[in-house]
Amino acid sequence: MSEYFTNLGRREELRQERVKASIMAEEMRDSLREELNPACKAARLNEEKIMILAASLAEKIGELREIEAGLDAIKKVIGK
C-alpha cells in the first residue's frame, strides 16, 4: 500500500510540474513569436535573442515530454 501512496504523491508533484512547465513554455513561445514579428524586416530581427528563446523553448518542451512520460508510467502502475 505504501508504494501506491508514494506513486499518488509523485503523480501530484508531476501534475504541478506540468502546469508550471506548460505556463513557462507558453510564455517562451509568445516571446519568440513577438521577436519574429512579421511586420519587422528580417535584417532588424535580434538573432541572438531569437536563438536563446528557441533553445529555451525546445528545452522546456523536452521537460514537458519527460513529465508526461513519468505520468504515463505512474498511470500504468496505479491504473488511474
Protein backbone atom coordinates (compact mmCIF):
# COMPACT_ATOMS: atom_id res chain seq x y z
CA MET A 1 0.00 0.00 0.00
CA SER A 2 2.88 2.38 0.73
CA GLU A 3 4.12 2.18 -2.86
CA TYR A 4 0.64 3.07 -4.07
CA PHE A 5 0.53 6.24 -1.96
CA THR A 6 4.08 7.13 -2.94
CA ASN A 7 3.03 6.94 -6.59
CA LEU A 8 -0.06 9.06 -5.91
CA GLY A 9 2.13 11.70 -4.30
CA ARG A 10 4.60 11.62 -7.17
CA ARG A 11 1.75 11.90 -9.67
CA GLU A 12 0.51 15.04 -7.97
CA GLU A 13 4.04 16.50 -7.97
CA LEU A 14 4.36 15.78 -11.69
CA ARG A 15 0.98 17.34 -12.40
CA GLN A 16 2.08 20.52 -10.64
CA GLU A 17 5.39 20.49 -12.53
CA ARG A 18 3.46 20.05 -15.78
CA VAL A 19 1.32 23.11 -15.09
CA LYS A 20 4.38 25.25 -14.31
CA ALA A 21 6.34 23.96 -17.30
CA SER A 22 3.37 24.48 -19.63
CA ILE A 23 2.96 28.08 -18.49
CA MET A 24 6.66 28.74 -18.97
CA ALA A 25 6.65 27.12 -22.43
CA GLU A 26 3.67 29.19 -23.49
CA GLU A 27 5.35 32.38 -22.29
CA MET A 28 8.53 31.46 -24.19
CA ARG A 29 6.50 30.67 -27.30
CA ASP A 30 4.73 34.01 -27.09
CA SER A 31 8.03 35.85 -26.60
CA LEU A 32 9.52 34.07 -29.58
CA ARG A 33 6.53 34.94 -31.74
CA GLU A 34 6.85 38.55 -30.64
CA GLU A 35 10.53 38.59 -31.66
CA LEU A 36 9.62 37.03 -35.01
CA ASN A 37 7.22 39.85 -35.80
CA PRO A 38 6.31 39.53 -39.50
CA ALA A 39 5.93 43.30 -39.74
CA CYS A 40 9.63 43.69 -38.94
CA LYS A 41 12.23 43.38 -41.68
CA ALA A 42 14.40 40.27 -41.38
CA ALA A 43 17.59 42.32 -41.11
CA ARG A 44 16.23 44.02 -37.98
CA LEU A 45 15.44 40.81 -36.10
CA ASN A 46 17.51 40.14 -32.99
CA GLU A 47 19.01 36.78 -33.94
CA GLU A 48 20.75 36.25 -30.60
CA LYS A 49 17.54 36.72 -28.63
CA ILE A 50 15.65 34.51 -31.10
CA MET A 51 18.24 31.72 -30.73
CA ILE A 52 18.13 31.92 -26.93
CA LEU A 53 14.33 31.87 -26.85
CA ALA A 54 14.14 28.98 -29.34
CA ALA A 55 16.69 26.92 -27.39
CA SER A 56 14.92 27.63 -24.09
CA LEU A 57 11.58 26.68 -25.59
CA ALA A 58 12.98 23.45 -27.01
CA GLU A 59 14.45 22.57 -23.61
CA LYS A 60 11.13 23.27 -21.87
CA ILE A 61 9.28 21.11 -24.41
CA GLY A 62 11.72 18.30 -23.62
CA GLU A 63 10.96 18.73 -19.91
CA LEU A 64 7.23 18.57 -20.63
CA ARG A 65 7.69 15.35 -22.56
CA GLU A 66 9.65 13.83 -19.67
CA ILE A 67 6.92 14.85 -17.24
CA GLU A 68 4.26 13.30 -19.49
CA ALA A 69 6.29 10.08 -19.71
CA GLY A 70 6.52 10.00 -15.91
CA LEU A 71 2.78 10.49 -15.58
CA ASP A 72 2.13 7.74 -18.13
CA ALA A 73 4.39 5.36 -16.21
CA ILE A 74 2.60 6.09 -12.94
CA LYS A 75 -0.75 5.65 -14.64
CA LYS A 76 0.29 2.16 -15.76
CA VAL A 77 1.39 1.27 -12.24
CA ILE A 78 -1.63 2.57 -10.33
CA GLY A 79 -4.17 2.06 -13.10
CA LYS A 80 -5.70 5.55 -12.99
